[in-house]
Amino acid sequence: MGRALGVTEKQIRDLSRYRESPAFSDEERMVMDLAVEMSRIPVEVPPGLLERLNRRFSEAQLVELAAAIAWENYRARFNRVFGVRAAGFSEGASCALPEHQLATERS
């Protein structure tokens, strides 16, 4: 689905390094920063990030972003409870892993 919406292979490969990758725009980095902050426990979005988001996005857009991020967090946490694993839908294409999994695999 992401590819159909314009997500590039480079962006998928660089997802765990999105802050440094030239594959992402400043706006995309800001949205991913929000997703990272919303994934932490407890959720505490820094005021500076909220200010930047409010300058770029309307209230309605921010509600949509937060809802989409919250929904994906819900699905990921739900899947972990039941041990849901990849079902092979990527047909061998790259699949970005969270940073903590990448660090563990390197050890």
Protein backbone atom coordinates (compact mmCIF):
# COMPACT_ATOMS: atom_id res chain seq x y z
CA MET A 1 0.00 0.00 0.00
CA GLY A 2 2.84 2.38 0.85
CA ARG A 3 4.45 1.84 -2.52
CA ALA A 4 1.16 2.63 -4.23
CA LEU A 5 1.09 5.91 -2.30
CA GLY A 6 4.62 6.84 -3.35
CA VAL A 7 6.84 5.42 -0.59
CA THR A 8 10.17 4.55 -2.21
CA GLU A 9 12.35 1.50 -1.64
CA LYS A 10 15.03 3.85 -0.25
CA GLN A 11 12.57 5.22 2.29
CA ILE A 12 11.62 1.70 3.37
CA ARG A 13 15.28 0.71 3.73
CA ASP A 14 16.16 3.95 5.56
CA LEU A 15 13.17 4.01 7.89
CA SER A 16 15.20 3.16 11.00
CA ARG A 17 17.57 6.04 10.06
CA TYR A 18 14.91 8.51 8.98
CA ARG A 19 16.44 11.45 10.85
CA GLU A 20 19.70 11.24 8.88
CA SER A 21 18.40 9.89 5.58
CA PRO A 22 18.12 12.24 2.60
CA ALA A 23 15.20 10.06 1.44
CA PHE A 24 12.84 11.96 3.76
CA SER A 25 11.68 15.56 3.77
CA ASP A 26 11.70 17.71 6.89
CA GLU A 27 7.92 17.36 7.03
CA GLU A 28 8.14 13.56 6.87
CA ARG A 29 10.77 13.54 9.62
CA MET A 30 8.54 15.70 11.81
CA VAL A 31 5.59 13.31 11.36
CA MET A 32 7.81 10.31 12.13
CA ASP A 33 9.08 12.10 15.24
CA LEU A 34 5.44 12.37 16.33
CA ALA A 35 4.95 8.64 15.69
CA VAL A 36 8.05 7.82 17.76
CA GLU A 37 6.89 10.00 20.64
CA MET A 38 3.38 8.55 20.53
CA SER A 39 4.87 5.05 20.70
CA ARG A 40 6.74 5.71 23.95
CA ILE A 41 5.42 4.84 27.39
CA PRO A 42 4.33 7.21 28.74
CA VAL A 43 3.41 9.34 25.76
CA GLU A 44 4.90 12.80 26.24
CA VAL A 45 5.18 14.75 23.00
CA PRO A 46 7.75 17.54 23.47
CA PRO A 47 6.26 21.05 23.28
CA GLY A 48 8.76 22.05 20.57
CA LEU A 49 7.57 19.25 18.32
CA LEU A 50 3.95 20.22 18.89
CA GLU A 51 4.76 23.83 18.01
CA ARG A 52 6.43 22.77 14.74
CA LEU A 53 3.52 20.47 13.90
CA ASN A 54 0.98 23.24 14.61
CA ARG A 55 2.85 25.62 12.30
CA ARG A 56 2.76 23.11 9.44
CA PHE A 57 -0.55 21.27 9.84
CA SER A 58 -4.12 22.31 10.50
CA GLU A 59 -5.94 21.01 13.57
CA ALA A 60 -7.91 18.58 11.40
CA GLN A 61 -4.72 17.27 9.80
CA LEU A 62 -3.11 16.77 13.21
CA VAL A 63 -6.16 14.89 14.44
CA GLU A 64 -5.92 12.59 11.39
CA LEU A 65 -2.18 12.05 11.93
CA ALA A 66 -2.56 11.30 15.63
CA ALA A 67 -5.48 8.95 14.96
CA ALA A 68 -3.55 7.04 12.28
CA ILE A 69 -0.49 6.73 14.51
CA ALA A 70 -2.61 5.64 17.49
CA TRP A 71 -4.38 3.03 15.33
CA GLU A 72 -1.09 1.55 14.10
CA ASN A 73 0.22 1.45 17.67
CA TYR A 74 -2.94 -0.37 18.72
CA ARG A 75 -2.55 -2.93 15.93
CA ALA A 76 1.12 -3.51 16.66
CA ARG A 77 0.53 -4.01 20.38
CA PHE A 78 -2.47 -6.26 19.76
CA ASN A 79 -0.46 -8.39 17.35
CA ARG A 80 2.39 -8.78 19.85
CA VAL A 81 0.02 -10.11 22.52
CA PHE A 82 -1.05 -12.92 20.21
CA GLY A 83 2.31 -13.48 18.53
CA VAL A 84 1.06 -12.42 15.10
CA ARG A 85 3.95 -12.65 12.64
CA ALA A 86 4.50 -11.56 9.06
CA ALA A 87 2.21 -13.33 6.62
CA GLY A 88 4.42 -12.97 3.54
CA PHE A 89 2.46 -10.25 1.80
CA SER A 90 5.63 -8.34 0.88
CA GLU A 91 6.64 -11.14 -1.52
CA GLY A 92 10.32 -10.88 -0.62
CA ALA A 93 10.46 -7.08 -0.74
CA SER A 94 12.18 -5.20 2.04
CA CYS A 95 10.47 -4.91 5.38
CA ALA A 96 11.68 -2.26 7.82
CA LEU A 97 12.23 -3.45 11.38
CA PRO A 98 12.03 -1.33 14.53
CA GLU A 99 15.38 0.00 15.75
CA HIS A 100 15.51 -2.24 18.83
CA GLN A 101 15.20 -5.34 16.65
CA LEU A 102 17.94 -4.12 14.31
CA ALA A 103 20.32 -3.49 17.21
CA THR A 104 19.65 -6.94 18.62
CA GLU A 105 20.29 -8.62 15.29
CA ARG A 106 23.67 -6.87 14.88
CA SER A 107 24.95 -8.28 18.17
